[in-house]
Amino acid sequence: MANWLEHSVQVDIPRPVADVWRCWADLEQMPRWMKWIQAVRIAPDNPEISTWELGTPDFSFSWRSRIVRSIDRQIVQWESVGGLQNRGAARFYGHHDDTTTVRLSVSYAIPFPLGQIMDGLFLGDLVESTLQKDIERFRDFVVEANPVP
C-alpha cells in the first residue's frame, strides 16, 4: 500500500501563453531547468510516452510516463506507466497583459507508513522547495528563449 504525496507550485511568466506552452511542450529540454531530472526521452513510435531519469548524488530512479490529457495552451496531465509511481499536471493561465501563470502539481507514491513519516520530517518541504525553484528556472528559460522584440 502506498501513500500519495502531492505538491503544487506556481509562477507568473512575462510572456504570452503560446510561448510558454511551446517551451513546456519540448519535454526533452526539461533537464535544463529541473534540478533532479537528468534526461527525458520521447518514444520514437509514440510522442505520448516518454522515459524519465531522476537523480541526485545519493539516488536515482527512472520511469515511463504517458500523457493522459492535453489541451493546447491550457493543461497537460501525465501519469507514470512503469518505475517510480507519479502523476501530475501543468496548467497554463494566459492573461490579457501577455503574462502566463503556470501551476505545476506533482504527486508521487511512497510506501505506507514511510511516506507519512518522511513527508512530515523533511521530504515534503524538500520536494516543494525544489519544485518551486524548478518552476522559477522554467520562467527564466522561457524569458531567455522568447526575448521581447
C-alpha atoms as a PDB file:
ATOM      1  CA  MET A   1       0.000   0.000   0.000  1.00  0.00           C
ATOM      2  CA  ALA A   2       1.339   3.432  -0.942  1.00  0.00           C
ATOM      3  CA  ASN A   3       0.881   6.883   0.467  1.00  0.00           C
ATOM      4  CA  TRP A   4       0.495   9.550  -2.252  1.00  0.00           C
ATOM      5  CA  LEU A   5       2.124  12.894  -1.536  1.00  0.00           C
ATOM      6  CA  GLU A   6       1.212  15.953  -3.612  1.00  0.00           C
ATOM      7  CA  HIS A   7       2.911  19.299  -4.076  1.00  0.00           C
ATOM      8  CA  SER A   8       1.840  22.325  -6.093  1.00  0.00           C
ATOM      9  CA  VAL A   9       3.826  25.386  -7.093  1.00  0.00           C
ATOM     10  CA  GLN A  10       3.209  28.242  -9.471  1.00  0.00           C
ATOM     11  CA  VAL A  11       4.952  31.105 -11.213  1.00  0.00           C
ATOM     12  CA  ASP A  12       3.997  34.095 -13.334  1.00  0.00           C
ATOM     13  CA  ILE A  13       5.916  34.392 -16.592  1.00  0.00           C
ATOM     14  CA  PRO A  14       6.005  37.692 -18.507  1.00  0.00           C
ATOM     15  CA  ARG A  15       5.335  36.031 -21.863  1.00  0.00           C
ATOM     16  CA  PRO A  16       2.180  35.011 -23.812  1.00  0.00           C
ATOM     17  CA  VAL A  17       0.743  31.587 -23.145  1.00  0.00           C
ATOM     18  CA  ALA A  18       1.690  30.365 -26.657  1.00  0.00           C
ATOM     19  CA  ASP A  19       5.391  30.961 -25.941  1.00  0.00           C
ATOM     20  CA  VAL A  20       5.184  29.358 -22.504  1.00  0.00           C
ATOM     21  CA  TRP A  21       3.302  26.324 -23.824  1.00  0.00           C
ATOM     22  CA  ARG A  22       5.811  25.816 -26.645  1.00  0.00           C
ATOM     23  CA  CYS A  23       8.710  25.751 -24.163  1.00  0.00           C
ATOM     24  CA  TRP A  24       6.922  23.334 -21.821  1.00  0.00           C
ATOM     25  CA  ALA A  25       5.886  21.007 -24.643  1.00  0.00           C
ATOM     26  CA  ASP A  26       9.545  20.350 -25.509  1.00  0.00           C
ATOM     27  CA  LEU A  27       9.917  17.723 -22.770  1.00  0.00           C
ATOM     28  CA  GLU A  28      13.473  16.802 -23.693  1.00  0.00           C
ATOM     29  CA  GLN A  29      14.560  20.310 -22.608  1.00  0.00           C
ATOM     30  CA  MET A  30      13.303  19.831 -19.041  1.00  0.00           C
ATOM     31  CA  PRO A  31      16.706  18.777 -17.638  1.00  0.00           C
ATOM     32  CA  ARG A  32      17.867  22.322 -18.436  1.00  0.00           C
ATOM     33  CA  TRP A  33      15.603  23.719 -15.732  1.00  0.00           C
ATOM     34  CA  MET A  34      14.546  20.790 -13.497  1.00  0.00           C
ATOM     35  CA  LYS A  35      17.286  20.170 -10.947  1.00  0.00           C
ATOM     36  CA  TRP A  36      16.753  16.451 -10.387  1.00  0.00           C
ATOM     37  CA  ILE A  37      15.807  15.442 -13.929  1.00  0.00           C
ATOM     38  CA  GLN A  38      18.842  14.091 -15.767  1.00  0.00           C
ATOM     39  CA  ALA A  39      17.169  13.069 -19.038  1.00  0.00           C
ATOM     40  CA  VAL A  40      13.823  12.866 -20.825  1.00  0.00           C
ATOM     41  CA  ARG A  41      13.471  10.803 -23.977  1.00  0.00           C
ATOM     42  CA  ILE A  42      10.338  10.733 -26.124  1.00  0.00           C
ATOM     43  CA  ALA A  43       9.399   7.325 -27.518  1.00  0.00           C
ATOM     44  CA  PRO A  44      10.077   7.392 -31.280  1.00  0.00           C
ATOM     45  CA  ASP A  45       6.881   5.482 -32.053  1.00  0.00           C
ATOM     46  CA  ASN A  46       4.553   7.353 -29.651  1.00  0.00           C
ATOM     47  CA  PRO A  47       5.017  11.021 -28.623  1.00  0.00           C
ATOM     48  CA  GLU A  48       2.634  10.500 -25.700  1.00  0.00           C
ATOM     49  CA  ILE A  49       5.164   8.181 -23.997  1.00  0.00           C
ATOM     50  CA  SER A  50       8.450   9.344 -22.506  1.00  0.00           C
ATOM     51  CA  THR A  51      11.200   7.885 -20.349  1.00  0.00           C
ATOM     52  CA  TRP A  52      12.440  10.000 -17.435  1.00  0.00           C
ATOM     53  CA  GLU A  53      15.618   9.735 -15.371  1.00  0.00           C
ATOM     54  CA  LEU A  54      15.733  11.453 -11.989  1.00  0.00           C
ATOM     55  CA  GLY A  55      18.861  11.512  -9.908  1.00  0.00           C
ATOM     56  CA  THR A  56      20.955  13.114  -7.226  1.00  0.00           C
ATOM     57  CA  PRO A  57      24.381  12.093  -5.936  1.00  0.00           C
ATOM     58  CA  ASP A  58      22.582   9.780  -3.456  1.00  0.00           C
ATOM     59  CA  PHE A  59      19.881   8.074  -5.529  1.00  0.00           C
ATOM     60  CA  SER A  60      18.416   7.666  -8.997  1.00  0.00           C
ATOM     61  CA  PHE A  61      15.131   6.478 -10.470  1.00  0.00           C
ATOM     62  CA  SER A  62      13.667   6.094 -13.893  1.00  0.00           C
ATOM     63  CA  TRP A  63      10.147   5.644 -15.135  1.00  0.00           C
ATOM     64  CA  ARG A  64       7.990   5.779 -18.221  1.00  0.00           C
ATOM     65  CA  SER A  65       5.246   8.331 -18.377  1.00  0.00           C
ATOM     66  CA  ARG A  66       2.277   8.875 -20.624  1.00  0.00           C
ATOM     67  CA  ILE A  67       0.295  11.991 -21.320  1.00  0.00           C
ATOM     68  CA  VAL A  68      -3.294  11.250 -20.353  1.00  0.00           C
ATOM     69  CA  ARG A  69      -4.778  14.649 -21.239  1.00  0.00           C
ATOM     70  CA  SER A  70      -3.519  17.596 -23.213  1.00  0.00           C
ATOM     71  CA  ILE A  71      -5.434  20.729 -24.177  1.00  0.00           C
ATOM     72  CA  ASP A  72      -3.294  23.124 -26.187  1.00  0.00           C
ATOM     73  CA  ARG A  73      -2.147  26.123 -24.122  1.00  0.00           C
ATOM     74  CA  GLN A  74      -4.256  25.034 -21.123  1.00  0.00           C
ATOM     75  CA  ILE A  75      -3.269  21.771 -19.455  1.00  0.00           C
ATOM     76  CA  VAL A  76      -1.121  18.694 -19.770  1.00  0.00           C
ATOM     77  CA  GLN A  77      -1.665  15.773 -17.374  1.00  0.00           C
ATOM     78  CA  TRP A  78       0.518  12.709 -17.064  1.00  0.00           C
ATOM     79  CA  GLU A  79       0.906   9.502 -15.110  1.00  0.00           C
ATOM     80  CA  SER A  80       3.698   7.001 -14.816  1.00  0.00           C
ATOM     81  CA  VAL A  81       3.295   3.651 -16.523  1.00  0.00           C
ATOM     82  CA  GLY A  82       6.328   1.955 -15.018  1.00  0.00           C
ATOM     83  CA  GLY A  83       9.008   2.690 -12.455  1.00  0.00           C
ATOM     84  CA  LEU A  84       8.600   5.497  -9.926  1.00  0.00           C
ATOM     85  CA  GLN A  85       4.860   5.984  -9.361  1.00  0.00           C
ATOM     86  CA  ASN A  86       3.885   9.582 -10.067  1.00  0.00           C
ATOM     87  CA  ARG A  87       1.271  11.721 -11.745  1.00  0.00           C
ATOM     88  CA  GLY A  88       0.650  15.380 -12.190  1.00  0.00           C
ATOM     89  CA  ALA A  89      -0.496  18.309 -14.239  1.00  0.00           C
ATOM     90  CA  ALA A  90       0.784  21.592 -15.548  1.00  0.00           C
ATOM     91  CA  ARG A  91      -1.879  24.239 -16.043  1.00  0.00           C
ATOM     92  CA  PHE A  92      -1.406  27.399 -18.087  1.00  0.00           C
ATOM     93  CA  TYR A  93      -3.411  30.564 -17.491  1.00  0.00           C
ATOM     94  CA  GLY A  94      -2.895  33.260 -20.105  1.00  0.00           C
ATOM     95  CA  HIS A  95      -3.687  36.830 -19.047  1.00  0.00           C
ATOM     96  CA  HIS A  96      -4.633  39.895 -21.116  1.00  0.00           C
ATOM     97  CA  ASP A  97      -1.304  41.597 -20.403  1.00  0.00           C
ATOM     98  CA  ASP A  98       0.609  38.773 -22.170  1.00  0.00           C
ATOM     99  CA  THR A  99       1.719  37.136 -18.933  1.00  0.00           C
ATOM    100  CA  THR A 100       1.082  33.496 -18.125  1.00  0.00           C
ATOM    101  CA  THR A 101       0.624  31.760 -14.795  1.00  0.00           C
ATOM    102  CA  VAL A 102       1.896  28.177 -14.708  1.00  0.00           C
ATOM    103  CA  ARG A 103       0.679  25.941 -11.905  1.00  0.00           C
ATOM    104  CA  LEU A 104       2.528  22.640 -11.535  1.00  0.00           C
ATOM    105  CA  SER A 105       1.113  19.827  -9.384  1.00  0.00           C
ATOM    106  CA  VAL A 106       3.106  16.642  -8.834  1.00  0.00           C
ATOM    107  CA  SER A 107       2.068  13.555  -6.847  1.00  0.00           C
ATOM    108  CA  TYR A 108       4.232  10.552  -6.079  1.00  0.00           C
ATOM    109  CA  ALA A 109       3.771   7.320  -4.170  1.00  0.00           C
ATOM    110  CA  ILE A 110       5.845   6.277  -1.175  1.00  0.00           C
ATOM    111  CA  PRO A 111       5.168   3.033   0.703  1.00  0.00           C
ATOM    112  CA  PHE A 112       2.894   3.487   3.729  1.00  0.00           C
ATOM    113  CA  PRO A 113       3.749   4.420   6.551  1.00  0.00           C
ATOM    114  CA  LEU A 114       7.177   5.566   5.329  1.00  0.00           C
ATOM    115  CA  GLY A 115       5.562   8.306   3.227  1.00  0.00           C
ATOM    116  CA  GLN A 116       3.807   9.936   6.184  1.00  0.00           C
ATOM    117  CA  ILE A 117       6.968   9.898   8.282  1.00  0.00           C
ATOM    118  CA  MET A 118       9.235  11.220   5.532  1.00  0.00           C
ATOM    119  CA  ASP A 119       6.751  13.873   4.429  1.00  0.00           C
ATOM    120  CA  GLY A 120       6.334  15.106   7.982  1.00  0.00           C
ATOM    121  CA  LEU A 121      10.074  15.224   8.646  1.00  0.00           C
ATOM    122  CA  PHE A 122      11.676  16.663   5.551  1.00  0.00           C
ATOM    123  CA  LEU A 123      10.636  15.204   2.218  1.00  0.00           C
ATOM    124  CA  GLY A 124       7.611  17.416   1.604  1.00  0.00           C
ATOM    125  CA  ASP A 125       9.491  20.659   2.224  1.00  0.00           C
ATOM    126  CA  LEU A 126      12.457  19.492   0.156  1.00  0.00           C
ATOM    127  CA  VAL A 127      10.348  18.455  -2.830  1.00  0.00           C
ATOM    128  CA  GLU A 128       8.182  21.567  -2.729  1.00  0.00           C
ATOM    129  CA  SER A 129      11.118  23.972  -2.466  1.00  0.00           C
ATOM    130  CA  THR A 130      12.901  22.128  -5.290  1.00  0.00           C
ATOM    131  CA  LEU A 131       9.800  22.276  -7.489  1.00  0.00           C
ATOM    132  CA  GLN A 132       9.404  25.994  -6.771  1.00  0.00           C
ATOM    133  CA  LYS A 133      13.000  26.660  -7.789  1.00  0.00           C
ATOM    134  CA  ASP A 134      12.499  24.479 -10.878  1.00  0.00           C
ATOM    135  CA  ILE A 135       9.422  26.416 -11.983  1.00  0.00           C
ATOM    136  CA  GLU A 136      11.307  29.680 -11.424  1.00  0.00           C
ATOM    137  CA  ARG A 137      14.147  28.358 -13.615  1.00  0.00           C
ATOM    138  CA  PHE A 138      11.488  27.470 -16.190  1.00  0.00           C
ATOM    139  CA  ARG A 139      10.302  31.090 -16.093  1.00  0.00           C
ATOM    140  CA  ASP A 140      13.859  32.255 -16.768  1.00  0.00           C
ATOM    141  CA  PHE A 141      14.218  29.653 -19.552  1.00  0.00           C
ATOM    142  CA  VAL A 142      11.037  30.923 -21.264  1.00  0.00           C
ATOM    143  CA  VAL A 143      12.093  34.565 -20.961  1.00  0.00           C
ATOM    144  CA  GLU A 144      15.534  33.818 -22.434  1.00  0.00           C
ATOM    145  CA  ALA A 145      14.062  31.714 -25.256  1.00  0.00           C
ATOM    146  CA  ASN A 146      11.495  34.401 -26.109  1.00  0.00           C
ATOM    147  CA  PRO A 147      13.096  37.851 -25.897  1.00  0.00           C
ATOM    148  CA  VAL A 148      10.758  40.817 -26.098  1.00  0.00           C
ATOM    149  CA  PRO A 149      11.083  42.463 -29.536  1.00  0.00           C
END
